[in-house]
PDB file of all heavy atoms in Angstrom:
ATOM      1  N   ALA A   1      81.140-105.918 -71.271  1.00  0.00           N
ATOM      2  CA  ALA A   1      80.330-105.947 -70.071  1.00  0.00           C
ATOM      3  C   ALA A   1      79.011-106.224 -70.259  1.00  0.00           C
ATOM      4  O   ALA A   1      78.334-105.845 -71.363  1.00  0.00           O
ATOM      5  CB  ALA A   1      80.571-104.663 -69.248  1.00  0.00           C
ATOM      6  N   ARG A   2      78.362-107.081 -69.258  1.00  0.00           N
ATOM      7  CA  ARG A   2      76.941-107.242 -69.344  1.00  0.00           C
ATOM      8  C   ARG A   2      76.395-107.260 -67.890  1.00  0.00           C
ATOM      9  O   ARG A   2      76.838-108.166 -67.129  1.00  0.00           O
ATOM     10  CB  ARG A   2      76.584-108.528 -69.974  1.00  0.00           C
ATOM     11  CG  ARG A   2      75.028-108.921 -69.954  1.00  0.00           C
ATOM     12  CD  ARG A   2      74.764-110.248 -70.622  1.00  0.00           C
ATOM     13  NE  ARG A   2      74.817-110.149 -71.979  1.00  0.00           N
ATOM     14  CZ  ARG A   2      73.692-109.766 -72.789  1.00  0.00           C
ATOM     15  NH1 ARG A   2      72.584-109.475 -72.255  1.00  0.00           N
ATOM     16  NH2 ARG A   2      73.870-109.682 -74.140  1.00  0.00           N
ATOM     17  N   LEU A   3      75.702-106.288 -67.453  1.00  0.00           N
ATOM     18  CA  LEU A   3      75.096-106.236 -66.208  1.00  0.00           C
ATOM     19  C   LEU A   3      73.779-106.874 -66.165  1.00  0.00           C
ATOM     20  O   LEU A   3      72.685-106.325 -66.578  1.00  0.00           O
ATOM     21  CB  LEU A   3      74.987-104.766 -65.680  1.00  0.00           C
ATOM     22  CG  LEU A   3      76.223-103.852 -65.904  1.00  0.00           C
ATOM     23  CD1 LEU A   3      76.003-102.461 -65.386  1.00  0.00           C
ATOM     24  CD2 LEU A   3      77.396-104.593 -65.052  1.00  0.00           C
ATOM     25  N   GLU A   4      73.735-108.195 -65.856  1.00  0.00           N
ATOM     26  CA  GLU A   4      72.507-108.931 -65.965  1.00  0.00           C
ATOM     27  C   GLU A   4      71.421-108.490 -64.974  1.00  0.00           C
ATOM     28  O   GLU A   4      71.661-108.350 -63.746  1.00  0.00           O
ATOM     29  CB  GLU A   4      72.805-110.514 -65.692  1.00  0.00           C
ATOM     30  CG  GLU A   4      73.757-111.027 -66.768  1.00  0.00           C
ATOM     31  CD  GLU A   4      73.859-112.471 -66.621  1.00  0.00           C
ATOM     32  OE1 GLU A   4      73.283-113.008 -65.671  1.00  0.00           O
ATOM     33  OE2 GLU A   4      74.690-113.072 -67.486  1.00  0.00           O
ATOM     34  N   GLY A   5      70.218-108.274 -65.534  1.00  0.00           N
ATOM     35  CA  GLY A   5      69.074-107.947 -64.676  1.00  0.00           C
ATOM     36  C   GLY A   5      69.232-106.498 -64.133  1.00  0.00           C
ATOM     37  O   GLY A   5      68.453-106.175 -63.202  1.00  0.00           O
ATOM     38  N   TYR A   6      70.114-105.604 -64.485  1.00  0.00           N
ATOM     39  CA  TYR A   6      70.378-104.436 -63.751  1.00  0.00           C
ATOM     40  C   TYR A   6      69.251-103.470 -63.919  1.00  0.00           C
ATOM     41  O   TYR A   6      69.150-102.538 -63.149  1.00  0.00           O
ATOM     42  CB  TYR A   6      71.814-103.865 -64.128  1.00  0.00           C
ATOM     43  CG  TYR A   6      72.168-102.863 -63.127  1.00  0.00           C
ATOM     44  CD1 TYR A   6      72.673-103.184 -61.839  1.00  0.00           C
ATOM     45  CD2 TYR A   6      72.048-101.456 -63.459  1.00  0.00           C
ATOM     46  CE1 TYR A   6      73.036-102.254 -60.946  1.00  0.00           C
ATOM     47  CE2 TYR A   6      72.462-100.483 -62.454  1.00  0.00           C
ATOM     48  CZ  TYR A   6      72.976-100.909 -61.237  1.00  0.00           C
ATOM     49  OH  TYR A   6      73.247 -99.862 -60.372  1.00  0.00           O
ATOM     50  N   TYR A   7      68.528-103.410 -64.979  1.00  0.00           N
ATOM     51  CA  TYR A   7      67.510-102.468 -65.116  1.00  0.00           C
ATOM     52  C   TYR A   7      66.494-102.400 -64.082  1.00  0.00           C
ATOM     53  O   TYR A   7      65.896-101.380 -63.673  1.00  0.00           O
ATOM     54  CB  TYR A   7      66.800-102.630 -66.549  1.00  0.00           C
ATOM     55  CG  TYR A   7      65.668-101.704 -66.741  1.00  0.00           C
ATOM     56  CD1 TYR A   7      65.991-100.346 -67.022  1.00  0.00           C
ATOM     57  CD2 TYR A   7      64.338-102.089 -66.717  1.00  0.00           C
ATOM     58  CE1 TYR A   7      65.079 -99.381 -67.285  1.00  0.00           C
ATOM     59  CE2 TYR A   7      63.401-101.113 -67.051  1.00  0.00           C
ATOM     60  CZ  TYR A   7      63.767 -99.728 -67.215  1.00  0.00           C
ATOM     61  OH  TYR A   7      62.759 -98.809 -67.501  1.00  0.00           O
ATOM     62  N   ALA A   8      66.315-103.580 -63.466  1.00  0.00           N
ATOM     63  CA  ALA A   8      65.301-103.656 -62.394  1.00  0.00           C
ATOM     64  C   ALA A   8      65.821-102.658 -61.121  1.00  0.00           C
ATOM     65  O   ALA A   8      64.891-102.514 -60.228  1.00  0.00           O
ATOM     66  CB  ALA A   8      65.114-105.135 -61.943  1.00  0.00           C
ATOM     67  N   SER A   9      67.071-102.468 -61.099  1.00  0.00           N
ATOM     68  CA  SER A   9      67.529-101.642 -59.929  1.00  0.00           C
ATOM     69  C   SER A   9      67.449-100.168 -60.236  1.00  0.00           C
ATOM     70  O   SER A   9      67.768 -99.299 -59.272  1.00  0.00           O
ATOM     71  CB  SER A   9      68.987-102.056 -59.635  1.00  0.00           C
ATOM     72  OG  SER A   9      69.848-101.597 -60.671  1.00  0.00           O
ATOM     73  N   ILE A  10      66.962 -99.843 -61.412  1.00  0.00           N
ATOM     74  CA  ILE A  10      66.828 -98.349 -61.676  1.00  0.00           C
ATOM     75  C   ILE A  10      65.560 -97.781 -60.873  1.00  0.00           C
ATOM     76  O   ILE A  10      64.489 -98.284 -61.048  1.00  0.00           O
ATOM     77  CB  ILE A  10      66.643 -98.102 -63.121  1.00  0.00           C
ATOM     78  CG1 ILE A  10      67.795 -98.655 -63.967  1.00  0.00           C
ATOM     79  CG2 ILE A  10      66.473 -96.602 -63.501  1.00  0.00           C
ATOM     80  CD1 ILE A  10      69.154 -98.098 -63.575  1.00  0.00           C
ATOM     81  N   GLY A  11      65.838 -96.834 -59.978  1.00  0.00           N
ATOM     82  CA  GLY A  11      64.801 -96.304 -59.088  1.00  0.00           C
ATOM     83  C   GLY A  11      63.909 -95.399 -59.792  1.00  0.00           C
ATOM     84  O   GLY A  11      62.654 -95.290 -59.560  1.00  0.00           O
ATOM     85  N   ASP A  12      64.622 -94.342 -60.460  1.00  0.00           N
ATOM     86  CA  ASP A  12      63.910 -93.284 -61.168  1.00  0.00           C
ATOM     87  C   ASP A  12      64.564 -93.097 -62.465  1.00  0.00           C
ATOM     88  O   ASP A  12      65.549 -92.476 -62.576  1.00  0.00           O
ATOM     89  CB  ASP A  12      63.931 -92.096 -60.200  1.00  0.00           C
ATOM     90  CG  ASP A  12      63.041 -90.929 -60.760  1.00  0.00           C
ATOM     91  OD1 ASP A  12      62.646 -90.974 -61.973  1.00  0.00           O
ATOM     92  OD2 ASP A  12      62.848 -89.937 -60.044  1.00  0.00           O
ATOM     93  N   ARG A  13      63.852 -93.515 -63.496  1.00  0.00           N
ATOM     94  CA  ARG A  13      64.341 -93.465 -64.840  1.00  0.00           C
ATOM     95  C   ARG A  13      64.598 -92.069 -65.382  1.00  0.00           C
ATOM     96  O   ARG A  13      65.336 -91.795 -66.339  1.00  0.00           O
ATOM     97  CB  ARG A  13      63.644 -94.268 -65.856  1.00  0.00           C
ATOM     98  CG  ARG A  13      62.236 -93.675 -66.171  1.00  0.00           C
ATOM     99  CD  ARG A  13      61.419 -94.661 -67.054  1.00  0.00           C
ATOM    100  NE  ARG A  13      60.043 -94.110 -67.377  1.00  0.00           N
ATOM    101  CZ  ARG A  13      59.929 -93.323 -68.410  1.00  0.00           C
ATOM    102  NH1 ARG A  13      60.907 -93.025 -69.255  1.00  0.00           N
ATOM    103  NH2 ARG A  13      58.710 -92.794 -68.633  1.00  0.00           N
ATOM    104  N   ARG A  14      63.906 -91.013 -64.761  1.00  0.00           N
ATOM    105  CA  ARG A  14      64.103 -89.700 -65.160  1.00  0.00           C
ATOM    106  C   ARG A  14      65.149 -88.932 -64.426  1.00  0.00           C
ATOM    107  O   ARG A  14      65.516 -87.784 -64.680  1.00  0.00           O
ATOM    108  CB  ARG A  14      62.825 -88.840 -64.930  1.00  0.00           C
ATOM    109  CG  ARG A  14      61.811 -89.251 -65.973  1.00  0.00           C
ATOM    110  CD  ARG A  14      60.397 -88.386 -65.652  1.00  0.00           C
ATOM    111  NE  ARG A  14      59.384 -88.667 -66.676  1.00  0.00           N
ATOM    112  CZ  ARG A  14      58.525 -89.575 -66.593  1.00  0.00           C
ATOM    113  NH1 ARG A  14      58.499 -90.362 -65.434  1.00  0.00           N
ATOM    114  NH2 ARG A  14      57.524 -89.766 -67.539  1.00  0.00           N
ATOM    115  N   ARG A  15      65.777 -89.638 -63.417  1.00  0.00           N
ATOM    116  CA  ARG A  15      66.890 -88.970 -62.641  1.00  0.00           C
ATOM    117  C   ARG A  15      68.118 -89.854 -62.537  1.00  0.00           C
ATOM    118  O   ARG A  15      69.069 -89.603 -61.738  1.00  0.00           O
ATOM    119  CB  ARG A  15      66.350 -88.640 -61.297  1.00  0.00           C
ATOM    120  CG  ARG A  15      65.232 -87.623 -61.316  1.00  0.00           C
ATOM    121  CD  ARG A  15      64.907 -87.190 -59.845  1.00  0.00           C
ATOM    122  NE  ARG A  15      65.933 -86.774 -59.073  1.00  0.00           N
ATOM    123  CZ  ARG A  15      66.474 -85.512 -59.159  1.00  0.00           C
ATOM    124  NH1 ARG A  15      66.061 -84.589 -59.929  1.00  0.00           N
ATOM    125  NH2 ARG A  15      67.570 -85.197 -58.316  1.00  0.00           N
ATOM    126  N   GLU A  16      68.219 -91.033 -63.342  1.00  0.00           N
ATOM    127  CA  GLU A  16      69.398 -91.829 -63.274  1.00  0.00           C
ATOM    128  C   GLU A  16      69.894 -92.261 -64.718  1.00  0.00           C
ATOM    129  O   GLU A  16      69.013 -92.281 -65.634  1.00  0.00           O
ATOM    130  CB  GLU A  16      69.078 -93.204 -62.434  1.00  0.00           C
ATOM    131  CG  GLU A  16      68.591 -92.967 -61.083  1.00  0.00           C
ATOM    132  CD  GLU A  16      68.128 -94.173 -60.386  1.00  0.00           C
ATOM    133  OE1 GLU A  16      68.787 -95.220 -60.643  1.00  0.00           O
ATOM    134  OE2 GLU A  16      67.273 -94.102 -59.510  1.00  0.00           O
ATOM    135  N   MET A  17      71.212 -92.315 -64.832  1.00  0.00           N
ATOM    136  CA  MET A  17      71.732 -92.769 -66.172  1.00  0.00           C
ATOM    137  C   MET A  17      73.092 -93.538 -65.958  1.00  0.00           C
ATOM    138  O   MET A  17      73.576 -93.532 -64.768  1.00  0.00           O
ATOM    139  CB  MET A  17      72.027 -91.483 -66.973  1.00  0.00           C
ATOM    140  CG  MET A  17      72.863 -90.395 -66.279  1.00  0.00           C
ATOM    141  SD  MET A  17      74.631 -90.564 -66.341  1.00  0.00           S
ATOM    142  CE  MET A  17      74.926 -90.239 -68.086  1.00  0.00           C
ATOM    143  N   LEU A  18      73.534 -94.197 -66.890  1.00  0.00           N
ATOM    144  CA  LEU A  18      74.767 -94.913 -66.909  1.00  0.00           C
ATOM    145  C   LEU A  18      75.849 -94.275 -67.835  1.00  0.00           C
ATOM    146  O   LEU A  18      75.519 -93.896 -68.935  1.00  0.00           O
ATOM    147  CB  LEU A  18      74.614 -96.385 -67.170  1.00  0.00           C
ATOM    148  CG  LEU A  18      74.346 -97.371 -66.004  1.00  0.00           C
ATOM    149  CD1 LEU A  18      72.846 -97.017 -65.492  1.00  0.00           C
ATOM    150  CD2 LEU A  18      74.383 -98.733 -66.446  1.00  0.00           C
ATOM    151  N   ARG A  19      77.028 -94.233 -67.485  1.00  0.00           N
ATOM    152  CA  ARG A  19      78.012 -93.731 -68.264  1.00  0.00           C
ATOM    153  C   ARG A  19      79.264 -94.790 -68.395  1.00  0.00           C
ATOM    154  O   ARG A  19      79.588 -95.452 -67.481  1.00  0.00           O
ATOM    155  CB  ARG A  19      78.779 -92.487 -67.714  1.00  0.00           C
ATOM    156  CG  ARG A  19      80.301 -92.205 -68.062  1.00  0.00           C
ATOM    157  CD  ARG A  19      80.477 -91.676 -69.447  1.00  0.00           C
ATOM    158  NE  ARG A  19      80.059 -90.315 -69.502  1.00  0.00           N
ATOM    159  CZ  ARG A  19      80.687 -89.288 -69.306  1.00  0.00           C
ATOM    160  NH1 ARG A  19      81.996 -89.483 -68.805  1.00  0.00           N
ATOM    161  NH2 ARG A  19      80.293 -88.041 -69.382  1.00  0.00           N
ATOM    162  N   ALA A  20      79.514 -95.162 -69.599  1.00  0.00           N
ATOM    163  CA  ALA A  20      80.591 -96.017 -69.889  1.00  0.00           C
ATOM    164  C   ALA A  20      81.872 -95.375 -70.543  1.00  0.00           C
ATOM    165  O   ALA A  20      81.668 -94.598 -71.358  1.00  0.00           O
ATOM    166  CB  ALA A  20      80.165 -97.118 -70.908  1.00  0.00           C
ATOM    167  N   GLU A  21      82.972 -95.713 -70.002  1.00  0.00           N
ATOM    168  CA  GLU A  21      84.309 -95.204 -70.562  1.00  0.00           C
ATOM    169  C   GLU A  21      85.201 -96.316 -70.959  1.00  0.00           C
ATOM    170  O   GLU A  21      85.333 -97.317 -70.177  1.00  0.00           O
ATOM    171  CB  GLU A  21      85.050 -94.140 -69.561  1.00  0.00           C
ATOM    172  CG  GLU A  21      84.174 -93.077 -69.133  1.00  0.00           C
ATOM    173  CD  GLU A  21      84.797 -92.229 -68.037  1.00  0.00           C
ATOM    174  OE1 GLU A  21      85.744 -92.689 -67.522  1.00  0.00           O
ATOM    175  OE2 GLU A  21      84.418 -91.022 -67.921  1.00  0.00           O
ATOM    176  N   LEU A  22      85.873 -96.103 -72.114  1.00  0.00           N
ATOM    177  CA  LEU A  22      86.881 -97.124 -72.415  1.00  0.00           C
ATOM    178  C   LEU A  22      88.345 -96.470 -72.376  1.00  0.00           C
ATOM    179  O   LEU A  22      88.560 -95.421 -72.812  1.00  0.00           O
ATOM    180  CB  LEU A  22      86.676 -97.597 -73.890  1.00  0.00           C
ATOM    181  CG  LEU A  22      85.566 -98.454 -74.235  1.00  0.00           C
ATOM    182  CD1 LEU A  22      85.552 -98.950 -75.759  1.00  0.00           C
ATOM    183  CD2 LEU A  22      85.567 -99.698 -73.380  1.00  0.00           C
ATOM    184  N   TRP A  23      89.226 -97.235 -71.714  1.00  0.00           N
ATOM    185  CA  TRP A  23      90.549 -96.761 -71.443  1.00  0.00           C
ATOM    186  C   TRP A  23      91.608 -97.637 -72.058  1.00  0.00           C
ATOM    187  O   TRP A  23      91.471 -98.840 -71.962  1.00  0.00           O
ATOM    188  CB  TRP A  23      90.861 -96.568 -70.054  1.00  0.00           C
ATOM    189  CG  TRP A  23      90.001 -95.515 -69.363  1.00  0.00           C
ATOM    190  CD1 TRP A  23      88.677 -95.697 -68.938  1.00  0.00           C
ATOM    191  CD2 TRP A  23      90.374 -94.107 -69.004  1.00  0.00           C
ATOM    192  NE1 TRP A  23      88.315 -94.479 -68.377  1.00  0.00           N
ATOM    193  CE2 TRP A  23      89.376 -93.507 -68.373  1.00  0.00           C
ATOM    194  CE3 TRP A  23      91.513 -93.518 -69.222  1.00  0.00           C
ATOM    195  CZ2 TRP A  23      89.407 -92.247 -67.957  1.00  0.00           C
ATOM    196  CZ3 TRP A  23      91.655 -92.176 -68.848  1.00  0.00           C
ATOM    197  CH2 TRP A  23      90.481 -91.480 -68.136  1.00  0.00           C
ATOM    198  N   ASP A  24      92.551 -97.006 -72.871  1.00  0.00           N
ATOM    199  CA  ASP A  24      93.769 -97.794 -73.341  1.00  0.00           C
ATOM    200  C   ASP A  24      94.904 -97.260 -72.547  1.00  0.00           C
ATOM    201  O   ASP A  24      95.322 -96.168 -72.761  1.00  0.00           O
ATOM    202  CB  ASP A  24      93.796 -97.512 -74.819  1.00  0.00           C
ATOM    203  CG  ASP A  24      94.990 -98.363 -75.443  1.00  0.00           C
ATOM    204  OD1 ASP A  24      95.698 -98.927 -74.695  1.00  0.00           O
ATOM    205  OD2 ASP A  24      95.247 -98.344 -76.658  1.00  0.00           O
ATOM    206  N   GLY A  25      95.349 -97.987 -71.553  1.00  0.00           N
ATOM    207  CA  GLY A  25      96.248 -97.432 -70.628  1.00  0.00           C
ATOM    208  C   GLY A  25      95.682 -96.250 -69.851  1.00  0.00           C
ATOM    209  O   GLY A  25      94.639 -96.307 -69.232  1.00  0.00           O
ATOM    210  N   ASP A  26      96.393 -95.056 -69.935  1.00  0.00           N
ATOM    211  CA  ASP A  26      95.927 -93.918 -69.221  1.00  0.00           C
ATOM    212  C   ASP A  26      95.169 -92.996 -70.152  1.00  0.00           C
ATOM    213  O   ASP A  26      94.917 -91.786 -69.733  1.00  0.00           O
ATOM    214  CB  ASP A  26      97.129 -93.241 -68.494  1.00  0.00           C
ATOM    215  CG  ASP A  26      98.132 -92.809 -69.551  1.00  0.00           C
ATOM    216  OD1 ASP A  26      98.052 -93.039 -70.669  1.00  0.00           O
ATOM    217  OD2 ASP A  26      99.085 -92.071 -69.057  1.00  0.00           O
ATOM    218  N   LYS A  27      94.777 -93.403 -71.291  1.00  0.00           N
ATOM    219  CA  LYS A  27      94.149 -92.626 -72.257  1.00  0.00           C
ATOM    220  C   LYS A  27      92.764 -93.089 -72.528  1.00  0.00           C
ATOM    221  O   LYS A  27      92.495 -94.225 -72.809  1.00  0.00           O
ATOM    222  CB  LYS A  27      94.869 -92.527 -73.582  1.00  0.00           C
ATOM    223  CG  LYS A  27      94.198 -91.791 -74.743  1.00  0.00           C
ATOM    224  CD  LYS A  27      94.966 -91.766 -76.062  1.00  0.00           C
ATOM    225  CE  LYS A  27      94.300 -91.052 -77.112  1.00  0.00           C
ATOM    226  NZ  LYS A  27      95.017 -91.238 -78.435  1.00  0.00           N
ATOM    227  N   LYS A  28      91.755 -92.077 -72.347  1.00  0.00           N
ATOM    228  CA  LYS A  28      90.383 -92.469 -72.576  1.00  0.00           C
ATOM    229  C   LYS A  28      90.117 -92.436 -74.023  1.00  0.00           C
ATOM    230  O   LYS A  28      90.321 -91.420 -74.686  1.00  0.00           O
ATOM    231  CB  LYS A  28      89.364 -91.563 -71.807  1.00  0.00           C
ATOM    232  CG  LYS A  28      87.890 -91.876 -72.071  1.00  0.00           C
ATOM    233  CD  LYS A  28      87.050 -91.116 -71.033  1.00  0.00           C
ATOM    234  CE  LYS A  28      86.995 -89.554 -71.365  1.00  0.00           C
ATOM    235  NZ  LYS A  28      85.956 -88.974 -70.425  1.00  0.00           N
ATOM    236  N   VAL A  29      89.742 -93.516 -74.695  1.00  0.00           N
ATOM    237  CA  VAL A  29      89.434 -93.469 -76.185  1.00  0.00           C
ATOM    238  C   VAL A  29      88.059 -93.502 -76.615  1.00  0.00           C
ATOM    239  O   VAL A  29      87.700 -93.216 -77.771  1.00  0.00           O
ATOM    240  CB  VAL A  29      90.144 -94.786 -76.615  1.00  0.00           C
ATOM    241  CG1 VAL A  29      91.656 -94.782 -76.479  1.00  0.00           C
ATOM    242  CG2 VAL A  29      89.529 -96.134 -76.092  1.00  0.00           C
ATOM    243  N   ALA A  30      87.081 -93.755 -75.751  1.00  0.00           N
ATOM    244  CA  ALA A  30      85.670 -93.686 -76.106  1.00  0.00           C
ATOM    245  C   ALA A  30      84.784 -93.657 -74.826  1.00  0.00           C
ATOM    246  O   ALA A  30      85.221 -93.990 -73.777  1.00  0.00           O
ATOM    247  CB  ALA A  30      85.295 -94.966 -76.955  1.00  0.00           C
ATOM    248  N   GLU A  31      83.590 -93.201 -75.040  1.00  0.00           N
ATOM    249  CA  GLU A  31      82.664 -93.090 -73.960  1.00  0.00           C
ATOM    250  C   GLU A  31      81.243 -93.137 -74.511  1.00  0.00           C
ATOM    251  O   GLU A  31      81.004 -92.886 -75.684  1.00  0.00           O
ATOM    252  CB  GLU A  31      82.764 -91.868 -73.067  1.00  0.00           C
ATOM    253  CG  GLU A  31      82.455 -90.575 -73.722  1.00  0.00           C
ATOM    254  CD  GLU A  31      82.776 -89.286 -73.009  1.00  0.00           C
ATOM    255  OE1 GLU A  31      83.677 -89.410 -72.100  1.00  0.00           O
ATOM    256  OE2 GLU A  31      82.098 -88.266 -73.150  1.00  0.00           O
ATOM    257  N   ASP A  32      80.342 -93.487 -73.634  1.00  0.00           N
ATOM    258  CA  ASP A  32      78.844 -93.441 -74.145  1.00  0.00           C
ATOM    259  C   ASP A  32      77.994 -93.511 -72.846  1.00  0.00           C
ATOM    260  O   ASP A  32      78.493 -93.799 -71.783  1.00  0.00           O
ATOM    261  CB  ASP A  32      78.506 -94.745 -74.961  1.00  0.00           C
ATOM    262  CG  ASP A  32      77.116 -94.585 -75.540  1.00  0.00           C
ATOM    263  OD1 ASP A  32      76.775 -93.432 -75.912  1.00  0.00           O
ATOM    264  OD2 ASP A  32      76.529 -95.583 -75.816  1.00  0.00           O
TER     265      ASP A  32
END
């Protein structure tokens, strides 16, 4: 995934974050 230019939409860097999850079928294998 690449969210182009998305950092400009962050309104408050001290109160917002992003979570990524990887799924293999119905099993979550990784996150960050």
